[in-house]
Amino acid sequence: MIDWRAIAALSAFACGSPTMRQPMAPQRQSVFTKLEPKACRLVEENLGAGPYWIRRCKGPAGWRLDWSEDDLREDLRLIAADGRETELRLTELVANGAFNSLGDTIEWRGRGPAKPDRLIVRVKVANHADAGGPDISKLAVVRLTGTPCVVAIVGPGHGQSQKAREIADRPMRVCMSD
């Protein structure tokens, strides 16, 4: 008599049963940092001629952000857990020197909340073609590994946030230059 249970068990073992597969890699996840004055400590401020301010915000996994405004242009400096600092140069690379402000939420992407390797930040750029019109919303995708840098800019349009996440979740390209 054929023992079908034994054959099924051997077949499952040879082909790899669902319970014997390797664990799946964790899905990419997002955690968020709010960019708002009450959530970020004021580090430096000059209210005189050429006013500016710098606020320090906490991010996940020991990351910190220096969020600054100078001459109606906002920018970020990343500070890694080991103290390395990197200017992202969002005003230059994303806003092309135009007046801008940053969105109120930073999205950190990675294989878990404690392992971000990408960052997405909204940059609202003044619309010089339509004075008084709405700002142009762009998303900057930032690589956090190695020397952090902007690797992509996603222009306005339907599905903008999803497109930025898809770029952030792919192998990273080279840094954008001036």
N, C-alpha and C. Protein backbone atom coordinates (compact mmCIF):
# COMPACT_ATOMS: atom_id res chain seq x y z
N MET A 1 0.84 -1.17 0.00
CA MET A 1 0.00 0.00 0.00
C MET A 1 0.89 1.24 0.00
N ILE A 2 0.50 2.25 -0.73
CA ILE A 2 1.29 3.48 -0.86
C ILE A 2 0.90 4.42 0.27
N ASP A 3 1.90 4.90 0.96
CA ASP A 3 1.65 5.88 2.03
C ASP A 3 1.75 7.28 1.43
N TRP A 4 0.61 7.82 1.03
CA TRP A 4 0.58 9.13 0.37
C TRP A 4 1.03 10.25 1.29
N ARG A 5 0.80 10.09 2.58
CA ARG A 5 1.26 11.14 3.52
C ARG A 5 2.77 11.22 3.53
N ALA A 6 3.44 10.08 3.48
CA ALA A 6 4.90 10.07 3.47
C ALA A 6 5.43 10.69 2.17
N ILE A 7 4.78 10.36 1.06
CA ILE A 7 5.20 10.93 -0.22
C ILE A 7 4.99 12.43 -0.22
N ALA A 8 3.87 12.89 0.31
CA ALA A 8 3.59 14.33 0.37
C ALA A 8 4.62 15.03 1.25
N ALA A 9 4.96 14.41 2.38
CA ALA A 9 5.94 15.01 3.28
C ALA A 9 7.31 15.08 2.62
N LEU A 10 7.74 14.01 1.94
CA LEU A 10 9.03 14.01 1.25
C LEU A 10 9.03 15.02 0.10
N SER A 11 7.92 15.11 -0.59
CA SER A 11 7.80 16.07 -1.69
C SER A 11 7.90 17.50 -1.16
N ALA A 12 7.22 17.76 -0.07
CA ALA A 12 7.26 19.10 0.53
C ALA A 12 8.68 19.42 0.99
N PHE A 13 9.36 18.43 1.56
CA PHE A 13 10.73 18.65 2.02
C PHE A 13 11.65 18.92 0.84
N ALA A 14 11.52 18.15 -0.23
CA ALA A 14 12.39 18.30 -1.40
C ALA A 14 12.12 19.61 -2.14
N CYS A 15 10.86 20.02 -2.19
CA CYS A 15 10.50 21.23 -2.94
C CYS A 15 10.49 22.48 -2.06
N GLY A 16 10.57 22.27 -0.79
CA GLY A 16 10.52 23.41 0.13
C GLY A 16 9.09 23.78 0.47
N SER A 17 8.66 23.36 1.61
CA SER A 17 7.28 23.67 2.00
C SER A 17 7.20 25.12 2.45
N PRO A 18 5.99 25.66 2.44
CA PRO A 18 5.83 27.05 2.87
C PRO A 18 6.35 27.29 4.28
N THR A 19 6.28 26.31 5.12
CA THR A 19 6.75 26.51 6.49
C THR A 19 8.26 26.37 6.59
N MET A 20 8.91 25.87 5.54
CA MET A 20 10.35 25.67 5.60
C MET A 20 11.12 26.71 4.79
N ARG A 21 10.44 27.67 4.20
CA ARG A 21 11.11 28.69 3.40
C ARG A 21 11.93 29.62 4.28
N GLN A 22 12.87 30.28 3.62
CA GLN A 22 13.66 31.29 4.32
C GLN A 22 12.74 32.45 4.69
N PRO A 23 12.99 33.11 5.81
CA PRO A 23 12.15 34.25 6.16
C PRO A 23 12.30 35.35 5.11
N MET A 24 11.18 36.01 4.82
CA MET A 24 11.20 37.08 3.84
C MET A 24 11.90 38.30 4.41
N ALA A 25 12.55 39.06 3.53
CA ALA A 25 13.19 40.30 3.96
C ALA A 25 12.09 41.26 4.40
N PRO A 26 12.35 42.03 5.44
CA PRO A 26 11.32 42.95 5.90
C PRO A 26 10.98 43.97 4.82
N GLN A 27 9.72 44.34 4.76
CA GLN A 27 9.28 45.34 3.80
C GLN A 27 9.85 46.70 4.17
N ARG A 28 10.00 47.56 3.18
CA ARG A 28 10.45 48.93 3.44
C ARG A 28 9.33 49.64 4.19
N GLN A 29 9.74 50.42 5.16
CA GLN A 29 8.79 51.13 6.01
C GLN A 29 9.14 52.61 6.07
N SER A 30 8.17 53.38 6.50
CA SER A 30 8.38 54.82 6.68
C SER A 30 8.18 55.20 8.13
N VAL A 31 8.99 56.13 8.60
CA VAL A 31 8.76 56.82 9.86
C VAL A 31 8.88 58.31 9.54
N PHE A 32 8.28 59.15 10.38
CA PHE A 32 8.15 60.55 10.04
C PHE A 32 8.68 61.47 11.13
N THR A 33 9.22 62.60 10.71
CA THR A 33 9.65 63.66 11.61
C THR A 33 8.86 64.91 11.23
N LYS A 34 8.28 65.56 12.22
CA LYS A 34 7.54 66.80 11.98
C LYS A 34 8.51 67.97 11.99
N LEU A 35 8.40 68.81 10.97
CA LEU A 35 9.15 70.07 10.92
C LEU A 35 8.19 71.16 11.37
N GLU A 36 8.23 71.45 12.65
CA GLU A 36 7.41 72.53 13.18
C GLU A 36 8.16 73.13 14.36
N PRO A 37 8.04 74.44 14.54
CA PRO A 37 8.82 75.11 15.58
C PRO A 37 8.71 74.48 16.97
N LYS A 38 7.53 74.03 17.37
CA LYS A 38 7.40 73.46 18.71
C LYS A 38 8.06 72.09 18.86
N ALA A 39 8.29 71.39 17.73
CA ALA A 39 8.91 70.06 17.78
C ALA A 39 10.43 70.11 17.63
N CYS A 40 10.95 71.28 17.25
CA CYS A 40 12.38 71.41 16.97
C CYS A 40 12.96 72.54 17.82
N ARG A 41 14.09 72.27 18.45
CA ARG A 41 14.72 73.24 19.37
C ARG A 41 15.41 74.35 18.59
N LEU A 42 15.16 75.59 18.98
CA LEU A 42 15.83 76.74 18.37
C LEU A 42 17.30 76.72 18.79
N VAL A 43 18.21 76.67 17.81
CA VAL A 43 19.65 76.60 18.07
C VAL A 43 20.29 77.97 17.90
N GLU A 44 19.83 78.71 16.90
CA GLU A 44 20.44 80.00 16.60
C GLU A 44 19.39 80.86 15.89
N GLU A 45 19.46 82.18 16.19
CA GLU A 45 18.52 83.09 15.55
C GLU A 45 19.12 84.49 15.50
N ASN A 46 18.90 85.18 14.39
CA ASN A 46 19.31 86.56 14.24
C ASN A 46 18.10 87.31 13.72
N LEU A 47 17.58 88.25 14.51
CA LEU A 47 16.41 88.99 14.11
C LEU A 47 16.77 90.33 13.47
N GLY A 48 18.06 90.65 13.42
CA GLY A 48 18.51 91.92 12.83
C GLY A 48 18.51 91.86 11.32
N ALA A 49 19.38 92.66 10.73
CA ALA A 49 19.50 92.69 9.27
C ALA A 49 19.88 91.30 8.78
N GLY A 50 19.23 90.86 7.71
CA GLY A 50 19.48 89.52 7.20
C GLY A 50 19.05 88.46 8.20
N PRO A 51 17.79 88.51 8.65
CA PRO A 51 17.36 87.56 9.69
C PRO A 51 17.45 86.10 9.22
N TYR A 52 17.74 85.24 10.17
CA TYR A 52 17.78 83.81 9.90
C TYR A 52 17.52 83.06 11.19
N TRP A 53 17.22 81.77 11.08
CA TRP A 53 17.11 80.89 12.25
C TRP A 53 17.54 79.48 11.87
N ILE A 54 17.93 78.73 12.91
CA ILE A 54 18.26 77.31 12.76
C ILE A 54 17.58 76.56 13.90
N ARG A 55 16.86 75.50 13.56
CA ARG A 55 16.20 74.65 14.55
C ARG A 55 16.69 73.22 14.40
N ARG A 56 16.92 72.55 15.51
CA ARG A 56 17.38 71.15 15.50
C ARG A 56 16.20 70.23 15.82
N CYS A 57 16.00 69.27 14.92
CA CYS A 57 14.90 68.30 15.05
C CYS A 57 15.49 66.90 15.19
N LYS A 58 14.80 66.06 15.94
CA LYS A 58 15.23 64.67 16.11
C LYS A 58 14.63 63.81 15.02
N GLY A 59 15.44 62.89 14.52
CA GLY A 59 14.99 61.90 13.55
C GLY A 59 15.16 60.50 14.15
N PRO A 60 14.87 59.46 13.40
CA PRO A 60 15.03 58.10 13.92
C PRO A 60 16.49 57.66 13.93
N ALA A 61 16.78 56.65 14.71
CA ALA A 61 18.08 55.96 14.71
C ALA A 61 19.26 56.91 14.94
N GLY A 62 19.06 57.94 15.74
CA GLY A 62 20.15 58.85 16.08
C GLY A 62 20.36 59.98 15.09
N TRP A 63 19.63 60.00 13.99
CA TRP A 63 19.75 61.09 13.03
C TRP A 63 19.15 62.36 13.62
N ARG A 64 19.73 63.50 13.26
CA ARG A 64 19.19 64.81 13.61
C ARG A 64 19.17 65.68 12.36
N LEU A 65 18.33 66.67 12.36
CA LEU A 65 18.20 67.60 11.25
C LEU A 65 18.39 69.01 11.76
N ASP A 66 19.20 69.80 11.08
CA ASP A 66 19.22 71.23 11.32
C ASP A 66 18.39 71.86 10.21
N TRP A 67 17.24 72.39 10.58
CA TRP A 67 16.29 73.01 9.66
C TRP A 67 16.52 74.51 9.76
N SER A 68 16.77 75.16 8.64
CA SER A 68 17.13 76.57 8.69
C SER A 68 16.33 77.39 7.68
N GLU A 69 16.24 78.69 7.99
CA GLU A 69 15.69 79.64 7.04
C GLU A 69 16.59 80.86 7.00
N ASP A 70 16.90 81.31 5.78
CA ASP A 70 17.71 82.50 5.57
C ASP A 70 17.24 83.14 4.27
N ASP A 71 16.86 84.40 4.31
CA ASP A 71 16.41 85.14 3.13
C ASP A 71 15.25 84.42 2.43
N LEU A 72 14.27 83.96 3.20
CA LEU A 72 13.06 83.30 2.69
C LEU A 72 13.36 82.01 1.92
N ARG A 73 14.44 81.35 2.32
CA ARG A 73 14.82 80.07 1.73
C ARG A 73 15.13 79.09 2.87
N GLU A 74 14.49 77.93 2.82
CA GLU A 74 14.70 76.92 3.86
C GLU A 74 15.59 75.80 3.33
N ASP A 75 16.33 75.18 4.25
CA ASP A 75 17.23 74.10 3.88
C ASP A 75 17.39 73.13 5.04
N LEU A 76 18.09 72.03 4.79
CA LEU A 76 18.36 71.03 5.82
C LEU A 76 19.83 70.67 5.84
N ARG A 77 20.33 70.45 7.05
CA ARG A 77 21.64 69.83 7.27
C ARG A 77 21.36 68.54 8.02
N LEU A 78 21.87 67.43 7.52
CA LEU A 78 21.71 66.14 8.20
C LEU A 78 22.88 65.92 9.14
N ILE A 79 22.57 65.39 10.32
CA ILE A 79 23.62 65.04 11.28
C ILE A 79 23.43 63.57 11.62
N ALA A 80 24.39 62.75 11.22
CA ALA A 80 24.33 61.31 11.46
C ALA A 80 24.56 61.01 12.94
N ALA A 81 24.25 59.81 13.34
CA ALA A 81 24.43 59.39 14.73
C ALA A 81 25.88 59.53 15.17
N ASP A 82 26.84 59.39 14.23
CA ASP A 82 28.26 59.52 14.58
C ASP A 82 28.75 60.97 14.54
N GLY A 83 27.83 61.92 14.27
CA GLY A 83 28.19 63.34 14.28
C GLY A 83 28.55 63.94 12.93
N ARG A 84 28.67 63.11 11.88
CA ARG A 84 28.96 63.65 10.54
C ARG A 84 27.82 64.54 10.08
N GLU A 85 28.17 65.71 9.55
CA GLU A 85 27.17 66.66 9.09
C GLU A 85 27.24 66.81 7.57
N THR A 86 26.08 66.92 6.94
CA THR A 86 26.00 67.09 5.49
C THR A 86 24.93 68.11 5.15
N GLU A 87 25.32 69.14 4.42
CA GLU A 87 24.36 70.12 3.90
C GLU A 87 23.68 69.51 2.68
N LEU A 88 22.35 69.54 2.64
CA LEU A 88 21.65 68.96 1.50
C LEU A 88 21.56 69.91 0.31
N ARG A 89 21.69 71.21 0.53
CA ARG A 89 21.69 72.21 -0.54
C ARG A 89 20.39 72.17 -1.34
N LEU A 90 19.26 72.05 -0.63
CA LEU A 90 17.96 71.98 -1.29
C LEU A 90 17.64 73.26 -2.05
N THR A 91 18.04 74.41 -1.49
CA THR A 91 17.77 75.68 -2.17
C THR A 91 18.44 75.71 -3.54
N GLU A 92 19.65 75.19 -3.62
CA GLU A 92 20.38 75.17 -4.90
C GLU A 92 19.84 74.08 -5.83
N LEU A 93 19.78 72.84 -5.34
CA LEU A 93 19.50 71.70 -6.20
C LEU A 93 18.03 71.54 -6.56
N VAL A 94 17.13 71.88 -5.66
CA VAL A 94 15.70 71.65 -5.90
C VAL A 94 15.00 72.94 -6.31
N ALA A 95 15.30 74.05 -5.60
CA ALA A 95 14.61 75.31 -5.85
C ALA A 95 15.36 76.21 -6.83
N ASN A 96 16.55 75.81 -7.24
CA ASN A 96 17.37 76.62 -8.16
C ASN A 96 17.53 78.06 -7.67
N GLY A 97 17.68 78.22 -6.35
CA GLY A 97 17.91 79.54 -5.76
C GLY A 97 16.66 80.34 -5.46
N ALA A 98 15.51 79.85 -5.86
CA ALA A 98 14.25 80.59 -5.66
C ALA A 98 13.83 80.53 -4.18
N PHE A 99 12.95 81.49 -3.80
CA PHE A 99 12.37 81.43 -2.46
C PHE A 99 11.69 80.07 -2.31
N ASN A 100 11.78 79.49 -1.12
CA ASN A 100 11.17 78.18 -0.90
C ASN A 100 10.88 77.96 0.57
N SER A 101 10.09 76.96 0.84
CA SER A 101 9.87 76.49 2.20
C SER A 101 9.76 74.97 2.14
N LEU A 102 10.00 74.34 3.26
CA LEU A 102 9.94 72.88 3.32
C LEU A 102 8.58 72.43 3.82
N GLY A 103 8.16 71.27 3.38
CA GLY A 103 6.93 70.68 3.88
C GLY A 103 7.05 70.40 5.37
N ASP A 104 5.95 70.16 6.02
CA ASP A 104 5.98 70.00 7.48
C ASP A 104 6.29 68.58 7.95
N THR A 105 6.58 67.66 7.02
CA THR A 105 6.87 66.28 7.42
C THR A 105 8.03 65.74 6.59
N ILE A 106 9.00 65.14 7.27
CA ILE A 106 10.11 64.43 6.63
C ILE A 106 9.78 62.95 6.69
N GLU A 107 9.94 62.25 5.57
CA GLU A 107 9.70 60.81 5.54
C GLU A 107 11.04 60.09 5.47
N TRP A 108 11.28 59.20 6.42
CA TRP A 108 12.49 58.37 6.45
C TRP A 108 12.08 56.98 5.98
N ARG A 109 12.82 56.39 5.04
CA ARG A 109 12.49 55.07 4.50
C ARG A 109 13.63 54.10 4.80
N GLY A 110 13.25 52.85 5.09
CA GLY A 110 14.25 51.83 5.33
C GLY A 110 13.63 50.49 5.61
N ARG A 111 14.45 49.53 5.99
CA ARG A 111 13.99 48.16 6.26
C ARG A 111 13.40 48.03 7.66
N GLY A 112 13.20 49.12 8.32
CA GLY A 112 12.59 49.15 9.64
C GLY A 112 12.81 50.53 10.23
N PRO A 113 12.07 50.86 11.28
CA PRO A 113 12.17 52.20 11.84
C PRO A 113 13.57 52.55 12.36
N ALA A 114 14.34 51.55 12.72
CA ALA A 114 15.67 51.82 13.26
C ALA A 114 16.76 51.80 12.19
N LYS A 115 16.37 51.62 10.91
CA LYS A 115 17.38 51.49 9.85
C LYS A 115 17.04 52.33 8.62
N PRO A 116 16.80 53.64 8.79
CA PRO A 116 16.51 54.42 7.58
C PRO A 116 17.75 54.56 6.70
N ASP A 117 17.55 54.44 5.39
CA ASP A 117 18.65 54.63 4.45
C ASP A 117 18.29 55.63 3.36
N ARG A 118 17.07 56.18 3.43
CA ARG A 118 16.61 57.19 2.49
C ARG A 118 15.75 58.20 3.25
N LEU A 119 15.61 59.36 2.63
CA LEU A 119 14.80 60.43 3.21
C LEU A 119 14.06 61.11 2.06
N ILE A 120 12.82 61.50 2.30
CA ILE A 120 12.04 62.24 1.31
C ILE A 120 11.56 63.52 1.97
N VAL A 121 11.80 64.65 1.31
CA VAL A 121 11.40 65.95 1.85
C VAL A 121 10.71 66.76 0.76
N ARG A 122 9.61 67.41 1.12
CA ARG A 122 8.89 68.27 0.19
C ARG A 122 9.50 69.67 0.22
N VAL A 123 9.75 70.22 -0.98
CA VAL A 123 10.26 71.57 -1.13
C VAL A 123 9.22 72.35 -1.93
N LYS A 124 8.66 73.39 -1.32
CA LYS A 124 7.65 74.22 -1.97
C LYS A 124 8.37 75.45 -2.52
N VAL A 125 8.46 75.52 -3.85
CA VAL A 125 9.24 76.54 -4.54
C VAL A 125 8.32 77.65 -5.04
N ALA A 126 8.73 78.91 -4.79
CA ALA A 126 7.94 80.05 -5.26
C ALA A 126 7.77 79.98 -6.77
N ASN A 127 6.57 80.24 -7.21
CA ASN A 127 6.23 80.18 -8.63
C ASN A 127 6.42 81.56 -9.24
N HIS A 128 7.58 81.82 -9.84
CA HIS A 128 7.87 83.13 -10.41
C HIS A 128 7.07 83.40 -11.67
N ALA A 129 6.61 82.35 -12.35
CA ALA A 129 5.82 82.54 -13.56
C ALA A 129 4.42 83.06 -13.25
N ASP A 130 3.95 82.77 -12.03
CA ASP A 130 2.61 83.19 -11.63
C ASP A 130 2.71 83.84 -10.25
N ALA A 131 3.16 85.10 -10.22
CA ALA A 131 3.33 85.81 -8.94
C ALA A 131 2.01 85.76 -8.17
N GLY A 132 2.10 85.36 -6.94
CA GLY A 132 0.92 85.24 -6.10
C GLY A 132 0.20 83.92 -6.27
N GLY A 133 0.63 83.12 -7.25
CA GLY A 133 0.02 81.80 -7.47
C GLY A 133 0.57 80.79 -6.48
N PRO A 134 0.08 79.59 -6.56
CA PRO A 134 0.55 78.56 -5.61
C PRO A 134 2.01 78.19 -5.86
N ASP A 135 2.67 77.77 -4.79
CA ASP A 135 4.04 77.29 -4.91
C ASP A 135 4.07 76.00 -5.73
N ILE A 136 5.22 75.70 -6.27
CA ILE A 136 5.42 74.45 -7.01
C ILE A 136 6.00 73.44 -6.03
N SER A 137 5.28 72.34 -5.83
CA SER A 137 5.68 71.34 -4.85
C SER A 137 6.54 70.26 -5.50
N LYS A 138 7.77 70.10 -4.99
CA LYS A 138 8.69 69.07 -5.47
C LYS A 138 9.09 68.19 -4.30
N LEU A 139 9.41 66.94 -4.58
CA LEU A 139 9.92 66.03 -3.55
C LEU A 139 11.37 65.69 -3.86
N ALA A 140 12.23 65.87 -2.89
CA ALA A 140 13.64 65.50 -3.02
C ALA A 140 13.84 64.15 -2.35
N VAL A 141 14.49 63.23 -3.06
CA VAL A 141 14.83 61.92 -2.52
C VAL A 141 16.31 61.97 -2.16
N VAL A 142 16.61 61.62 -0.90
CA VAL A 142 17.96 61.75 -0.36
C VAL A 142 18.49 60.37 0.05
N ARG A 143 19.70 60.06 -0.37
CA ARG A 143 20.39 58.84 0.06
C ARG A 143 21.05 59.16 1.39
N LEU A 144 20.92 58.28 2.38
CA LEU A 144 21.55 58.49 3.68
C LEU A 144 22.84 57.70 3.85
N THR A 145 23.07 56.69 3.02
CA THR A 145 24.27 55.87 3.13
C THR A 145 25.46 56.59 2.51
N GLY A 146 26.66 56.25 2.98
CA GLY A 146 27.85 56.94 2.50
C GLY A 146 27.75 58.41 2.88
N THR A 147 28.04 59.29 1.95
CA THR A 147 27.82 60.71 2.18
C THR A 147 26.41 61.03 1.71
N PRO A 148 25.52 61.45 2.60
CA PRO A 148 24.14 61.74 2.19
C PRO A 148 24.10 62.80 1.09
N CYS A 149 23.13 62.64 0.18
CA CYS A 149 22.99 63.59 -0.91
C CYS A 149 21.63 63.43 -1.58
N VAL A 150 21.23 64.45 -2.32
CA VAL A 150 20.01 64.38 -3.12
C VAL A 150 20.31 63.54 -4.35
N VAL A 151 19.46 62.53 -4.60
CA VAL A 151 19.67 61.65 -5.77
C VAL A 151 18.57 61.81 -6.82
N ALA A 152 17.43 62.39 -6.44
CA ALA A 152 16.35 62.56 -7.40
C ALA A 152 15.41 63.66 -6.93
N ILE A 153 14.75 64.29 -7.90
CA ILE A 153 13.70 65.27 -7.62
C ILE A 153 12.46 64.82 -8.38
N VAL A 154 11.35 64.72 -7.67
CA VAL A 154 10.09 64.33 -8.30
C VAL A 154 9.23 65.57 -8.42
N GLY A 155 8.88 65.91 -9.65
CA GLY A 155 8.08 67.10 -9.91
C GLY A 155 6.63 66.90 -9.52
N PRO A 156 5.86 67.99 -9.57
CA PRO A 156 4.46 67.91 -9.18
C PRO A 156 3.67 67.01 -10.13
N GLY A 157 2.60 66.43 -9.61
CA GLY A 157 1.73 65.61 -10.44
C GLY A 157 1.08 64.51 -9.64
N HIS A 158 0.15 63.84 -10.28
CA HIS A 158 -0.58 62.75 -9.65
C HIS A 158 0.38 61.64 -9.23
N GLY A 159 0.25 61.14 -8.02
CA GLY A 159 1.09 60.05 -7.54
C GLY A 159 2.50 60.47 -7.17
N GLN A 160 2.71 61.75 -6.92
CA GLN A 160 4.05 62.27 -6.64
C GLN A 160 4.71 61.54 -5.46
N SER A 161 3.99 61.38 -4.36
CA SER A 161 4.57 60.73 -3.17
C SER A 161 4.92 59.28 -3.45
N GLN A 162 4.05 58.56 -4.16
CA GLN A 162 4.31 57.17 -4.48
C GLN A 162 5.53 57.04 -5.39
N LYS A 163 5.66 57.94 -6.36
CA LYS A 163 6.83 57.92 -7.24
C LYS A 163 8.11 58.14 -6.44
N ALA A 164 8.08 59.06 -5.49
CA ALA A 164 9.26 59.32 -4.66
C ALA A 164 9.61 58.08 -3.84
N ARG A 165 8.61 57.39 -3.29
CA ARG A 165 8.87 56.17 -2.51
C ARG A 165 9.47 55.08 -3.39
N GLU A 166 8.94 54.95 -4.61
CA GLU A 166 9.48 53.94 -5.52
C GLU A 166 10.95 54.22 -5.84
N ILE A 167 11.28 55.47 -6.06
CA ILE A 167 12.69 55.83 -6.31
C ILE A 167 13.53 55.54 -5.07
N ALA A 168 13.00 55.90 -3.90
CA ALA A 168 13.74 55.70 -2.65
C ALA A 168 13.98 54.23 -2.35
N ASP A 169 13.08 53.38 -2.82
CA ASP A 169 13.19 51.95 -2.51
C ASP A 169 14.03 51.17 -3.53
N ARG A 170 14.48 51.82 -4.57
CA ARG A 170 15.35 51.19 -5.57
C ARG A 170 16.81 51.35 -5.15
N PRO A 171 17.70 50.58 -5.80
CA PRO A 171 19.12 50.84 -5.57
C PRO A 171 19.41 52.30 -5.93
N MET A 172 20.27 52.92 -5.17
CA MET A 172 20.49 54.36 -5.33
C MET A 172 21.41 54.70 -6.48
N ARG A 173 21.07 55.82 -7.08
CA ARG A 173 21.88 56.38 -8.15
C ARG A 173 22.92 57.30 -7.55
N VAL A 174 23.68 57.93 -8.44
CA VAL A 174 24.70 58.88 -8.00
C VAL A 174 24.04 60.16 -7.52
N CYS A 175 24.79 60.93 -6.79
CA CYS A 175 24.30 62.21 -6.27
C CYS A 175 24.10 63.20 -7.41
N MET A 176 23.11 64.07 -7.23
CA MET A 176 22.90 65.14 -8.19
C MET A 176 23.99 66.18 -7.99
N SER A 177 24.39 66.79 -9.06
CA SER A 177 25.39 67.85 -8.95
C SER A 177 24.72 69.18 -9.25
N ASP A 178 25.48 70.24 -9.15
CA ASP A 178 24.93 71.57 -9.37
C ASP A 178 24.34 71.73 -10.73
